[in-house]
Each structure stands twice: as structure tokens, then as C-alpha cells.
């Protein structure tokens, strides 16, 4: 394991000591004890993460990205590109595929895995043509009666001048509107960062699933801290106040299901995480399958109109 997070220094030290002993071929029993101790500490540490620490985990560069989920869960993926107006935005990928024998439309943000691919995919920050591509794919799904699966992992839509000139806000609004008007089931998975309108544009779904250590918010903790206190250094304080974690958002009714991660986060065990997401998707598709188009739209409308109207008993009413 590389790329340890700042709060994992003790785990890193134990892992390095064990690895050193194993490389030397000495004191293997001691190495095994160190590894076991590291696993226990890791499980304890991840059982009590702060919101800011969860934000670090959600942004981990080794976290599974959309290409991993497509490869692990879907068959016969056929990518479709372009918005038929301006360009093909590589920050947003999608197409036709088969999920457990059922044809679906899948789409989501692509962050990239190394410097070259991150630049190619613009770090998962889509431009207007990316959201217009998403609308095009949703139109296709509606036409042929195919369920939609979206994988959300973005710090937010691209805020550059060229994106604004081409109608970024309008494209995000129309993508959100298209999610809400679909006559087929739509299930969103918050797989990493769910940042701002750039995330909501793919997540106004019948069911919103969220990985245990993902985050979902209207703005990044750093951005919130910069606005409120004129200092990004107070990001941890902002993260605590913003209720960005899966458990808080489930309590508030913003999401519908938490998909729990392997010990130490999804970046430590891609295969287990992808399998768990597949199980959750299958269950939600089965539940939504019998519903008519009108019922799907009505349920979706009711779901979003109720958010914020009545908090669960015991919730903070401030």
C-alpha cells in the first residue's frame, strides 16, 4: 500500500517494518504480528473518522474510478461520445452496457489514474458538453426503456471561463431536469467526491447510493471555509458543519443507502468494493423494475420535494 493519508502515519510505520522484515526473510513471525497489529489499528481508525478525514479518503488517488466499476460490473460496454453540438468531453464518459444480463445506460465522471489521464479527463470536472452528453445518453435510455446507472466522482463542474461562455449553468440545470423527468429507473452512486451542481446533475435519481467514506455537498470544505472565514485552513471545521458524510446524509434523507467499504477504505480492496456496489445496484434495480414511468417520476418528485421539509426525529433543526 502506497499513498498513505496524513492520519495513517502509524499504520504506515507498522506496514513498512513488516515489509522490511519480510524482504530480509527474517523474523517472519514478528512480521505477521506487525501486520495483524496494523490491520487492527486500521479498522479502529476507520471506525471513527472525522468528516475531514473522510474527505481525504474520498479523494484518495487509488480509489476505484468509473473505469474500474465498468470493467468489474458491466459486460459489453459500448462507449458513446460527443454532445452533437460542440465536442466530446472526456471528463464525462458513458454508453450502453449489460448489467447482470440486463441492458442499461451507464455514465459518470472520469478522474483519471495518473498525471496524463488526469489531464485528459480534466480531473473529473466536466464542461457543458459533458453534461449535454449525459442528457443525450438519458434521452437514449428513455427512448428504449433502459435503466440508467450514474457514477458520481467529481470535485465539481469545471469553473473556467470557456465553460461559462458555453453555458455551464444551463447545461447542469438541464441535466438535473432530465434526471427528474426520466420515465425509466435511475440509480446514482456517489463513489468518491460528490461536489456541487456538477454532482447533482447526475444524482437527481430514484435511488442515491453512497459509499461509506464518500462525501456529497454543495461546495468543498475548503471553498466553504474560504467563504465563511476567509481561510481554507479551517476546512476541517467546515466539513464538520456541512454534514457531508454518508451517515449524516442518510439521516437527512438526501441519500437512500450506504454501501459499506472494506477495512481501510475502497482504495485498499477494489474487488470487494466493486462487488458490494454490484449487490446494491442489483437490489435497487429489482425494487424499481415493476414501477411504471409515471410512478417513477412521481416518486422522484416527491423524494426531492420532501428533502429539508421535515427532518427525522432528533435531528438538528438549526
C-alpha atoms as a PDB file:
ATOM      1  CA  UNK A   1       0.000   0.000   0.000  1.00  0.00           C
ATOM      2  CA  UNK A   2       1.367   3.417  -1.006  1.00  0.00           C
ATOM      3  CA  UNK A   3      -0.074   6.916  -0.724  1.00  0.00           C
ATOM      4  CA  UNK A   4      -0.851   6.757   2.972  1.00  0.00           C
ATOM      5  CA  UNK A   5      -3.046   9.587   4.166  1.00  0.00           C
ATOM      6  CA  UNK A   6      -1.753  12.054   6.782  1.00  0.00           C
ATOM      7  CA  UNK A   7      -3.714  10.422   9.605  1.00  0.00           C
ATOM      8  CA  UNK A   8      -2.362   6.946   8.723  1.00  0.00           C
ATOM      9  CA  UNK A   9       1.274   7.516   9.717  1.00  0.00           C
ATOM     10  CA  UNK A  10       1.196   4.913  12.495  1.00  0.00           C
ATOM     11  CA  UNK A  11      -0.214   2.325  10.080  1.00  0.00           C
ATOM     12  CA  UNK A  12       2.441   3.202   7.508  1.00  0.00           C
ATOM     13  CA  UNK A  13       5.225   2.682  10.065  1.00  0.00           C
ATOM     14  CA  UNK A  14       3.905  -0.759  11.020  1.00  0.00           C
ATOM     15  CA  UNK A  15       3.485  -1.812   7.382  1.00  0.00           C
ATOM     16  CA  UNK A  16       6.996  -0.665   6.488  1.00  0.00           C
ATOM     17  CA  UNK A  17       8.527  -2.510   9.418  1.00  0.00           C
ATOM     18  CA  UNK A  18       6.716  -5.714   8.482  1.00  0.00           C
ATOM     19  CA  UNK A  19       7.701  -5.352   4.827  1.00  0.00           C
ATOM     20  CA  UNK A  20      11.336  -4.794   5.779  1.00  0.00           C
ATOM     21  CA  UNK A  21      11.384  -7.996   7.841  1.00  0.00           C
ATOM     22  CA  UNK A  22       9.799  -9.986   5.032  1.00  0.00           C
ATOM     23  CA  UNK A  23      12.246  -8.669   2.447  1.00  0.00           C
ATOM     24  CA  UNK A  24      15.103  -9.744   4.681  1.00  0.00           C
ATOM     25  CA  UNK A  25      13.481 -13.133   5.213  1.00  0.00           C
ATOM     26  CA  UNK A  26      13.936 -12.772   8.938  1.00  0.00           C
ATOM     27  CA  UNK A  27      11.642 -12.883  11.977  1.00  0.00           C
ATOM     28  CA  UNK A  28       8.626 -13.734   9.871  1.00  0.00           C
ATOM     29  CA  UNK A  29       6.520 -14.377  12.942  1.00  0.00           C
ATOM     30  CA  UNK A  30       7.235 -10.840  14.099  1.00  0.00           C
ATOM     31  CA  UNK A  31       6.348  -9.510  10.652  1.00  0.00           C
ATOM     32  CA  UNK A  32       2.998 -11.316  10.793  1.00  0.00           C
ATOM     33  CA  UNK A  33       2.336  -9.849  14.242  1.00  0.00           C
ATOM     34  CA  UNK A  34       3.095  -6.350  12.960  1.00  0.00           C
ATOM     35  CA  UNK A  35       0.739  -6.845  10.007  1.00  0.00           C
ATOM     36  CA  UNK A  36      -2.032  -8.062  12.275  1.00  0.00           C
ATOM     37  CA  UNK A  37      -1.489  -5.110  14.581  1.00  0.00           C
ATOM     38  CA  UNK A  38      -1.637  -2.736  11.603  1.00  0.00           C
ATOM     39  CA  UNK A  39      -4.958  -4.238  10.486  1.00  0.00           C
ATOM     40  CA  UNK A  40      -6.452  -3.862  13.955  1.00  0.00           C
ATOM     41  CA  UNK A  41      -5.327  -0.248  14.190  1.00  0.00           C
ATOM     42  CA  UNK A  42      -6.608   0.426  10.677  1.00  0.00           C
ATOM     43  CA  UNK A  43     -10.073  -0.945  11.492  1.00  0.00           C
ATOM     44  CA  UNK A  44     -10.215   1.096  14.697  1.00  0.00           C
ATOM     45  CA  UNK A  45      -9.023   4.256  12.959  1.00  0.00           C
ATOM     46  CA  UNK A  46     -11.581   3.976  10.151  1.00  0.00           C
ATOM     47  CA  UNK A  47     -14.400   3.331  12.605  1.00  0.00           C
ATOM     48  CA  UNK A  48     -14.091   6.877  13.953  1.00  0.00           C
ATOM     49  CA  UNK A  49     -13.028   9.060  11.033  1.00  0.00           C
ATOM     50  CA  UNK A  50     -13.865  12.750  11.189  1.00  0.00           C
ATOM     51  CA  UNK A  51     -15.712  14.341   8.248  1.00  0.00           C
ATOM     52  CA  UNK A  52     -12.475  15.958   7.077  1.00  0.00           C
ATOM     53  CA  UNK A  53     -10.643  12.628   7.200  1.00  0.00           C
ATOM     54  CA  UNK A  54     -13.463  11.081   5.167  1.00  0.00           C
ATOM     55  CA  UNK A  55     -12.972  13.836   2.607  1.00  0.00           C
ATOM     56  CA  UNK A  56      -9.320  12.779   2.324  1.00  0.00           C
ATOM     57  CA  UNK A  57     -10.356   9.161   1.827  1.00  0.00           C
ATOM     58  CA  UNK A  58     -12.952  10.152  -0.790  1.00  0.00           C
ATOM     59  CA  UNK A  59     -10.200  11.923  -2.735  1.00  0.00           C
ATOM     60  CA  UNK A  60      -7.602   9.163  -2.459  1.00  0.00           C
ATOM     61  CA  UNK A  61      -5.959   8.757  -5.893  1.00  0.00           C
ATOM     62  CA  UNK A  62      -6.159   4.942  -5.703  1.00  0.00           C
ATOM     63  CA  UNK A  63      -9.905   4.877  -5.007  1.00  0.00           C
ATOM     64  CA  UNK A  64     -11.883   2.891  -7.621  1.00  0.00           C
ATOM     65  CA  UNK A  65     -12.979   5.089 -10.506  1.00  0.00           C
ATOM     66  CA  UNK A  66     -15.682   4.658 -13.121  1.00  0.00           C
ATOM     67  CA  UNK A  67     -13.486   2.554 -15.404  1.00  0.00           C
ATOM     68  CA  UNK A  68     -12.978   0.056 -12.566  1.00  0.00           C
ATOM     69  CA  UNK A  69     -16.725  -0.251 -11.969  1.00  0.00           C
ATOM     70  CA  UNK A  70     -17.435  -0.624 -15.681  1.00  0.00           C
ATOM     71  CA  UNK A  71     -14.804  -3.359 -16.012  1.00  0.00           C
ATOM     72  CA  UNK A  72     -15.900  -5.138 -12.833  1.00  0.00           C
ATOM     73  CA  UNK A  73     -19.694  -4.927 -13.093  1.00  0.00           C
ATOM     74  CA  UNK A  74     -20.706  -4.493 -16.721  1.00  0.00           C
ATOM     75  CA  UNK A  75     -20.425  -6.552 -19.880  1.00  0.00           C
ATOM     76  CA  UNK A  76     -20.254  -5.413 -23.498  1.00  0.00           C
ATOM     77  CA  UNK A  77     -19.680  -1.751 -22.648  1.00  0.00           C
ATOM     78  CA  UNK A  78     -20.039   0.397 -25.773  1.00  0.00           C
ATOM     79  CA  UNK A  79     -18.879   3.985 -25.146  1.00  0.00           C
ATOM     80  CA  UNK A  80     -20.785   6.771 -26.861  1.00  0.00           C
ATOM     81  CA  UNK A  81     -19.092  10.129 -27.305  1.00  0.00           C
ATOM     82  CA  UNK A  82     -19.948  13.702 -28.090  1.00  0.00           C
ATOM     83  CA  UNK A  83     -22.810  16.056 -27.366  1.00  0.00           C
ATOM     84  CA  UNK A  84     -23.672  16.557 -31.066  1.00  0.00           C
ATOM     85  CA  UNK A  85     -23.086  20.274 -30.613  1.00  0.00           C
ATOM     86  CA  UNK A  86     -19.510  21.123 -29.660  1.00  0.00           C
ATOM     87  CA  UNK A  87     -17.136  18.360 -28.535  1.00  0.00           C
ATOM     88  CA  UNK A  88     -16.619  15.114 -26.663  1.00  0.00           C
ATOM     89  CA  UNK A  89     -15.840  15.880 -23.011  1.00  0.00           C
ATOM     90  CA  UNK A  90     -13.509  13.215 -21.597  1.00  0.00           C
ATOM     91  CA  UNK A  91     -14.416  14.210 -18.024  1.00  0.00           C
ATOM     92  CA  UNK A  92     -17.778  12.522 -18.627  1.00  0.00           C
ATOM     93  CA  UNK A  93     -17.907   9.030 -20.086  1.00  0.00           C
ATOM     94  CA  UNK A  94     -20.851   6.766 -20.752  1.00  0.00           C
ATOM     95  CA  UNK A  95     -22.559   4.388 -23.077  1.00  0.00           C
ATOM     96  CA  UNK A  96     -24.527   1.171 -23.402  1.00  0.00           C
ATOM     97  CA  UNK A  97     -23.734  -1.938 -21.398  1.00  0.00           C
ATOM     98  CA  UNK A  98     -25.190  -5.065 -19.824  1.00  0.00           C
ATOM     99  CA  UNK A  99     -25.571  -5.401 -16.043  1.00  0.00           C
ATOM    100  CA  UNK A 100     -26.253  -8.967 -14.921  1.00  0.00           C
ATOM    101  CA  UNK A 101     -27.783  -9.725 -18.297  1.00  0.00           C
ATOM    102  CA  UNK A 102     -29.926  -6.599 -18.418  1.00  0.00           C
ATOM    103  CA  UNK A 103     -29.190  -3.760 -20.887  1.00  0.00           C
ATOM    104  CA  UNK A 104     -28.530  -0.411 -19.192  1.00  0.00           C
ATOM    105  CA  UNK A 105     -27.142   3.022 -19.897  1.00  0.00           C
ATOM    106  CA  UNK A 106     -24.188   3.928 -17.679  1.00  0.00           C
ATOM    107  CA  UNK A 107     -22.422   7.270 -17.325  1.00  0.00           C
ATOM    108  CA  UNK A 108     -20.261   9.135 -14.875  1.00  0.00           C
ATOM    109  CA  UNK A 109     -17.291  11.329 -14.130  1.00  0.00           C
ATOM    110  CA  UNK A 110     -13.813  10.106 -15.039  1.00  0.00           C
ATOM    111  CA  UNK A 111     -10.965  11.450 -12.906  1.00  0.00           C
ATOM    112  CA  UNK A 112      -8.025   9.541 -14.356  1.00  0.00           C
ATOM    113  CA  UNK A 113      -5.384   7.498 -12.561  1.00  0.00           C
ATOM    114  CA  UNK A 114      -2.057   9.157 -13.388  1.00  0.00           C
ATOM    115  CA  UNK A 115      -0.891  12.595 -14.460  1.00  0.00           C
ATOM    116  CA  UNK A 116      -1.535  12.079 -18.170  1.00  0.00           C
ATOM    117  CA  UNK A 117      -5.017  10.593 -17.737  1.00  0.00           C
ATOM    118  CA  UNK A 118      -5.997  13.154 -15.100  1.00  0.00           C
ATOM    119  CA  UNK A 119      -5.157  15.923 -17.538  1.00  0.00           C
ATOM    120  CA  UNK A 120      -7.040  14.105 -20.302  1.00  0.00           C
ATOM    121  CA  UNK A 121     -10.142  13.795 -18.120  1.00  0.00           C
ATOM    122  CA  UNK A 122      -9.739  17.266 -16.577  1.00  0.00           C
ATOM    123  CA  UNK A 123      -9.690  15.730 -13.081  1.00  0.00           C
ATOM    124  CA  UNK A 124     -13.352  14.734 -13.417  1.00  0.00           C
ATOM    125  CA  UNK A 125     -14.549  18.327 -13.853  1.00  0.00           C
ATOM    126  CA  UNK A 126     -16.990  18.264 -16.756  1.00  0.00           C
ATOM    127  CA  UNK A 127     -17.727  21.175 -19.080  1.00  0.00           C
ATOM    128  CA  UNK A 128     -21.131  21.951 -20.663  1.00  0.00           C
ATOM    129  CA  UNK A 129     -20.547  19.455 -23.452  1.00  0.00           C
ATOM    130  CA  UNK A 130     -20.081  16.751 -20.806  1.00  0.00           C
ATOM    131  CA  UNK A 131     -23.486  17.427 -19.282  1.00  0.00           C
ATOM    132  CA  UNK A 132     -25.066  17.675 -22.730  1.00  0.00           C
ATOM    133  CA  UNK A 133     -23.553  14.269 -23.484  1.00  0.00           C
ATOM    134  CA  UNK A 134     -25.216  12.987 -20.294  1.00  0.00           C
ATOM    135  CA  UNK A 135     -28.559  14.412 -21.444  1.00  0.00           C
ATOM    136  CA  UNK A 136     -28.125  12.718 -24.811  1.00  0.00           C
ATOM    137  CA  UNK A 137     -27.492   9.381 -23.107  1.00  0.00           C
ATOM    138  CA  UNK A 138     -30.528   9.833 -20.842  1.00  0.00           C
ATOM    139  CA  UNK A 139     -32.657  10.611 -23.902  1.00  0.00           C
ATOM    140  CA  UNK A 140     -31.431   7.352 -25.427  1.00  0.00           C
ATOM    141  CA  UNK A 141     -32.280   5.429 -22.245  1.00  0.00           C
ATOM    142  CA  UNK A 142     -35.773   6.909 -22.131  1.00  0.00           C
ATOM    143  CA  UNK A 143     -36.403   6.112 -25.794  1.00  0.00           C
ATOM    144  CA  UNK A 144     -35.503   2.440 -25.444  1.00  0.00           C
ATOM    145  CA  UNK A 145     -36.686   1.862 -21.877  1.00  0.00           C
ATOM    146  CA  UNK A 146     -33.259   1.229 -20.376  1.00  0.00           C
ATOM    147  CA  UNK A 147     -32.419   1.820 -16.704  1.00  0.00           C
ATOM    148  CA  UNK A 148     -29.737   4.461 -16.044  1.00  0.00           C
ATOM    149  CA  UNK A 149     -26.794   3.979 -13.694  1.00  0.00           C
ATOM    150  CA  UNK A 150     -24.647   7.015 -12.877  1.00  0.00           C
ATOM    151  CA  UNK A 151     -21.318   7.034 -11.059  1.00  0.00           C
ATOM    152  CA  UNK A 152     -20.574  10.368  -9.431  1.00  0.00           C
ATOM    153  CA  UNK A 153     -16.992  11.347  -8.589  1.00  0.00           C
ATOM    154  CA  UNK A 154     -16.182  14.994  -9.153  1.00  0.00           C
ATOM    155  CA  UNK A 155     -14.943  17.969  -7.143  1.00  0.00           C
ATOM    156  CA  UNK A 156     -17.464  19.970  -9.166  1.00  0.00           C
ATOM    157  CA  UNK A 157     -18.167  21.141 -12.674  1.00  0.00           C
ATOM    158  CA  UNK A 158     -15.302  22.959 -14.416  1.00  0.00           C
ATOM    159  CA  UNK A 159     -15.417  26.662 -13.418  1.00  0.00           C
ATOM    160  CA  UNK A 160     -13.288  28.051 -16.265  1.00  0.00           C
ATOM    161  CA  UNK A 161     -14.242  30.954 -18.485  1.00  0.00           C
ATOM    162  CA  UNK A 162     -14.665  28.788 -21.592  1.00  0.00           C
ATOM    163  CA  UNK A 163     -17.167  26.574 -19.774  1.00  0.00           C
ATOM    164  CA  UNK A 164     -19.118  29.591 -18.566  1.00  0.00           C
ATOM    165  CA  UNK A 165     -19.147  31.055 -22.071  1.00  0.00           C
ATOM    166  CA  UNK A 166     -20.684  27.844 -23.424  1.00  0.00           C
ATOM    167  CA  UNK A 167     -23.478  27.780 -20.813  1.00  0.00           C
ATOM    168  CA  UNK A 168     -22.200  25.712 -17.898  1.00  0.00           C
ATOM    169  CA  UNK A 169     -25.044  26.582 -15.506  1.00  0.00           C
ATOM    170  CA  UNK A 170     -27.701  25.957 -18.139  1.00  0.00           C
ATOM    171  CA  UNK A 171     -26.204  22.576 -19.068  1.00  0.00           C
ATOM    172  CA  UNK A 172     -26.087  21.481 -15.409  1.00  0.00           C
ATOM    173  CA  UNK A 173     -29.676  22.611 -14.854  1.00  0.00           C
ATOM    174  CA  UNK A 174     -30.921  20.765 -17.926  1.00  0.00           C
ATOM    175  CA  UNK A 175     -29.070  17.594 -16.945  1.00  0.00           C
ATOM    176  CA  UNK A 176     -30.644  17.742 -13.477  1.00  0.00           C
ATOM    177  CA  UNK A 177     -34.045  18.335 -15.072  1.00  0.00           C
ATOM    178  CA  UNK A 178     -33.556  15.357 -17.392  1.00  0.00           C
ATOM    179  CA  UNK A 179     -32.761  13.084 -14.448  1.00  0.00           C
ATOM    180  CA  UNK A 180     -36.025  14.134 -12.824  1.00  0.00           C
ATOM    181  CA  UNK A 181     -38.130  13.673 -15.975  1.00  0.00           C
ATOM    182  CA  UNK A 182     -36.886  10.194 -16.932  1.00  0.00           C
ATOM    183  CA  UNK A 183     -39.536   7.516 -17.345  1.00  0.00           C
ATOM    184  CA  UNK A 184     -37.030   4.768 -16.535  1.00  0.00           C
ATOM    185  CA  UNK A 185     -35.295   3.934 -13.242  1.00  0.00           C
ATOM    186  CA  UNK A 186     -32.177   5.959 -12.490  1.00  0.00           C
ATOM    187  CA  UNK A 187     -29.763   4.975  -9.737  1.00  0.00           C
ATOM    188  CA  UNK A 188     -26.831   7.178  -8.744  1.00  0.00           C
ATOM    189  CA  UNK A 189     -23.738   6.015  -6.881  1.00  0.00           C
ATOM    190  CA  UNK A 190     -21.658   8.650  -5.064  1.00  0.00           C
ATOM    191  CA  UNK A 191     -18.374   6.790  -5.499  1.00  0.00           C
ATOM    192  CA  UNK A 192     -15.912   9.423  -4.293  1.00  0.00           C
ATOM    193  CA  UNK A 193     -16.462  13.167  -4.260  1.00  0.00           C
ATOM    194  CA  UNK A 194     -19.959  14.451  -4.936  1.00  0.00           C
ATOM    195  CA  UNK A 195     -19.235  18.115  -5.439  1.00  0.00           C
ATOM    196  CA  UNK A 196     -21.806  20.836  -6.080  1.00  0.00           C
ATOM    197  CA  UNK A 197     -24.150  21.011  -9.065  1.00  0.00           C
ATOM    198  CA  UNK A 198     -21.660  19.028 -11.088  1.00  0.00           C
ATOM    199  CA  UNK A 199     -22.626  16.021  -8.958  1.00  0.00           C
ATOM    200  CA  UNK A 200     -26.359  16.746  -8.623  1.00  0.00           C
ATOM    201  CA  UNK A 201     -26.632  16.867 -12.428  1.00  0.00           C
ATOM    202  CA  UNK A 202     -26.162  13.073 -12.427  1.00  0.00           C
ATOM    203  CA  UNK A 203     -27.594  12.303  -8.993  1.00  0.00           C
ATOM    204  CA  UNK A 204     -31.221  13.507  -9.064  1.00  0.00           C
ATOM    205  CA  UNK A 205     -32.152   9.839  -9.073  1.00  0.00           C
ATOM    206  CA  UNK A 206     -34.805   7.445  -7.782  1.00  0.00           C
ATOM    207  CA  UNK A 207     -32.159   5.929  -5.532  1.00  0.00           C
ATOM    208  CA  UNK A 208     -28.923   7.565  -4.415  1.00  0.00           C
ATOM    209  CA  UNK A 209     -26.326   5.130  -3.088  1.00  0.00           C
ATOM    210  CA  UNK A 210     -23.239   6.443  -1.350  1.00  0.00           C
ATOM    211  CA  UNK A 211     -20.022   4.709  -0.438  1.00  0.00           C
ATOM    212  CA  UNK A 212     -19.280   4.800   3.272  1.00  0.00           C
ATOM    213  CA  UNK A 213     -16.319   7.182   3.024  1.00  0.00           C
ATOM    214  CA  UNK A 214     -17.531   9.314   0.115  1.00  0.00           C
ATOM    215  CA  UNK A 215     -18.607  12.922   0.534  1.00  0.00           C
ATOM    216  CA  UNK A 216     -21.520  14.820  -1.024  1.00  0.00           C
ATOM    217  CA  UNK A 217     -22.007  18.562  -0.627  1.00  0.00           C
ATOM    218  CA  UNK A 218     -22.910  21.831  -2.296  1.00  0.00           C
ATOM    219  CA  UNK A 219     -19.301  23.054  -2.067  1.00  0.00           C
ATOM    220  CA  UNK A 220     -15.954  21.680  -0.994  1.00  0.00           C
ATOM    221  CA  UNK A 221     -14.948  22.127   2.663  1.00  0.00           C
ATOM    222  CA  UNK A 222     -12.073  24.351   1.526  1.00  0.00           C
ATOM    223  CA  UNK A 223     -14.421  26.505  -0.541  1.00  0.00           C
ATOM    224  CA  UNK A 224     -16.884  26.795   2.320  1.00  0.00           C
ATOM    225  CA  UNK A 225     -14.124  27.793   4.751  1.00  0.00           C
ATOM    226  CA  UNK A 226     -12.779  30.372   2.294  1.00  0.00           C
ATOM    227  CA  UNK A 227     -16.210  31.996   2.005  1.00  0.00           C
ATOM    228  CA  UNK A 228     -17.188  31.898   5.680  1.00  0.00           C
ATOM    229  CA  UNK A 229     -13.839  32.529   7.366  1.00  0.00           C
ATOM    230  CA  UNK A 230     -11.619  33.769   4.527  1.00  0.00           C
ATOM    231  CA  UNK A 231      -9.284  30.860   5.175  1.00  0.00           C
ATOM    232  CA  UNK A 232      -9.166  27.392   3.601  1.00  0.00           C
ATOM    233  CA  UNK A 233      -7.156  26.330   6.666  1.00  0.00           C
ATOM    234  CA  UNK A 234     -10.479  25.902   8.500  1.00  0.00           C
ATOM    235  CA  UNK A 235     -11.654  23.216   6.047  1.00  0.00           C
ATOM    236  CA  UNK A 236     -11.885  20.579   8.795  1.00  0.00           C
ATOM    237  CA  UNK A 237     -14.241  22.823  10.779  1.00  0.00           C
ATOM    238  CA  UNK A 238     -16.326  23.448   7.662  1.00  0.00           C
ATOM    239  CA  UNK A 239     -16.531  19.725   6.889  1.00  0.00           C
ATOM    240  CA  UNK A 240     -17.913  19.073  10.361  1.00  0.00           C
ATOM    241  CA  UNK A 241     -20.605  21.742   9.985  1.00  0.00           C
ATOM    242  CA  UNK A 242     -21.622  20.872   6.426  1.00  0.00           C
ATOM    243  CA  UNK A 243     -22.884  17.319   7.099  1.00  0.00           C
ATOM    244  CA  UNK A 244     -21.070  15.869   4.106  1.00  0.00           C
ATOM    245  CA  UNK A 245     -20.778  12.251   5.246  1.00  0.00           C
ATOM    246  CA  UNK A 246     -22.892   9.267   4.238  1.00  0.00           C
ATOM    247  CA  UNK A 247     -24.322   8.686   7.714  1.00  0.00           C
ATOM    248  CA  UNK A 248     -25.451  12.307   8.064  1.00  0.00           C
ATOM    249  CA  UNK A 249     -26.927  12.439   4.574  1.00  0.00           C
ATOM    250  CA  UNK A 250     -28.829   9.197   5.110  1.00  0.00           C
ATOM    251  CA  UNK A 251     -30.254  10.635   8.340  1.00  0.00           C
ATOM    252  CA  UNK A 252     -31.340  13.766   6.479  1.00  0.00           C
ATOM    253  CA  UNK A 253     -32.929  11.818   3.622  1.00  0.00           C
ATOM    254  CA  UNK A 254     -30.558  13.118   0.942  1.00  0.00           C
ATOM    255  CA  UNK A 255     -29.307   9.615   0.095  1.00  0.00           C
ATOM    256  CA  UNK A 256     -31.072   6.260   0.285  1.00  0.00           C
ATOM    257  CA  UNK A 257     -28.413   3.647   1.038  1.00  0.00           C
ATOM    258  CA  UNK A 258     -24.849   3.424   2.334  1.00  0.00           C
ATOM    259  CA  UNK A 259     -22.569   0.897   0.652  1.00  0.00           C
ATOM    260  CA  UNK A 260     -20.010  -0.034   3.290  1.00  0.00           C
ATOM    261  CA  UNK A 261     -16.347  -0.111   2.368  1.00  0.00           C
ATOM    262  CA  UNK A 262     -13.658  -2.699   3.140  1.00  0.00           C
ATOM    263  CA  UNK A 263     -11.438  -2.054   6.157  1.00  0.00           C
ATOM    264  CA  UNK A 264      -9.215   0.902   5.415  1.00  0.00           C
ATOM    265  CA  UNK A 265     -11.313   2.237   2.548  1.00  0.00           C
ATOM    266  CA  UNK A 266     -12.230   1.243  -1.006  1.00  0.00           C
ATOM    267  CA  UNK A 267      -8.735   2.080  -2.264  1.00  0.00           C
ATOM    268  CA  UNK A 268      -7.334  -0.886  -0.328  1.00  0.00           C
ATOM    269  CA  UNK A 269      -9.639  -3.508  -1.863  1.00  0.00           C
ATOM    270  CA  UNK A 270     -11.149  -2.670  -5.244  1.00  0.00           C
ATOM    271  CA  UNK A 271     -12.608  -6.131  -5.852  1.00  0.00           C
ATOM    272  CA  UNK A 272     -14.633  -6.204  -2.623  1.00  0.00           C
ATOM    273  CA  UNK A 273     -15.865  -2.647  -3.096  1.00  0.00           C
ATOM    274  CA  UNK A 274     -16.966  -3.235  -6.679  1.00  0.00           C
ATOM    275  CA  UNK A 275     -18.762  -6.438  -5.667  1.00  0.00           C
ATOM    276  CA  UNK A 276     -20.646  -4.625  -2.882  1.00  0.00           C
ATOM    277  CA  UNK A 277     -21.724  -1.854  -5.271  1.00  0.00           C
ATOM    278  CA  UNK A 278     -22.955  -4.513  -7.693  1.00  0.00           C
ATOM    279  CA  UNK A 279     -25.072  -6.167  -4.995  1.00  0.00           C
ATOM    280  CA  UNK A 280     -26.615  -2.822  -4.020  1.00  0.00           C
ATOM    281  CA  UNK A 281     -27.345  -1.884  -7.647  1.00  0.00           C
ATOM    282  CA  UNK A 282     -28.992  -5.234  -8.315  1.00  0.00           C
ATOM    283  CA  UNK A 283     -31.247  -4.866  -5.263  1.00  0.00           C
ATOM    284  CA  UNK A 284     -32.341  -1.348  -6.189  1.00  0.00           C
ATOM    285  CA  UNK A 285     -32.966  -2.208  -9.847  1.00  0.00           C
ATOM    286  CA  UNK A 286     -35.099  -5.154  -8.764  1.00  0.00           C
ATOM    287  CA  UNK A 287     -37.145  -2.904  -6.474  1.00  0.00           C
ATOM    288  CA  UNK A 288     -37.669  -0.224  -9.130  1.00  0.00           C
ATOM    289  CA  UNK A 289     -38.251  -2.607 -12.039  1.00  0.00           C
ATOM    290  CA  UNK A 290     -42.028  -3.134 -11.590  1.00  0.00           C
ATOM    291  CA  UNK A 291     -42.779   0.599 -11.344  1.00  0.00           C
ATOM    292  CA  UNK A 292     -44.454   2.428 -14.240  1.00  0.00           C
ATOM    293  CA  UNK A 293     -42.963   5.514 -15.847  1.00  0.00           C
ATOM    294  CA  UNK A 294     -45.496   7.720 -14.107  1.00  0.00           C
ATOM    295  CA  UNK A 295     -44.796   6.145 -10.736  1.00  0.00           C
ATOM    296  CA  UNK A 296     -41.041   6.553 -11.189  1.00  0.00           C
ATOM    297  CA  UNK A 297     -41.437  10.254 -11.985  1.00  0.00           C
ATOM    298  CA  UNK A 298     -43.889  10.818  -9.139  1.00  0.00           C
ATOM    299  CA  UNK A 299     -41.698   9.042  -6.592  1.00  0.00           C
ATOM    300  CA  UNK A 300     -38.666  11.018  -7.722  1.00  0.00           C
ATOM    301  CA  UNK A 301     -40.561  14.307  -7.483  1.00  0.00           C
ATOM    302  CA  UNK A 302     -41.870  13.506  -4.015  1.00  0.00           C
ATOM    303  CA  UNK A 303     -38.431  12.417  -2.831  1.00  0.00           C
ATOM    304  CA  UNK A 304     -36.780  15.713  -3.702  1.00  0.00           C
ATOM    305  CA  UNK A 305     -39.607  17.978  -2.633  1.00  0.00           C
ATOM    306  CA  UNK A 306     -39.537  16.399   0.824  1.00  0.00           C
ATOM    307  CA  UNK A 307     -35.822  16.934   1.445  1.00  0.00           C
ATOM    308  CA  UNK A 308     -35.454  19.624   4.081  1.00  0.00           C
ATOM    309  CA  UNK A 309     -39.173  19.906   4.856  1.00  0.00           C
ATOM    310  CA  UNK A 310     -39.220  17.543   7.789  1.00  0.00           C
ATOM    311  CA  UNK A 311     -36.074  16.220   9.433  1.00  0.00           C
ATOM    312  CA  UNK A 312     -36.128  12.861  11.195  1.00  0.00           C
ATOM    313  CA  UNK A 313     -36.849  12.896  14.931  1.00  0.00           C
ATOM    314  CA  UNK A 314     -33.856  14.069  16.933  1.00  0.00           C
ATOM    315  CA  UNK A 315     -32.228  15.888  14.012  1.00  0.00           C
ATOM    316  CA  UNK A 316     -30.567  19.256  14.425  1.00  0.00           C
ATOM    317  CA  UNK A 317     -33.174  21.846  13.366  1.00  0.00           C
ATOM    318  CA  UNK A 318     -30.793  24.805  13.106  1.00  0.00           C
END
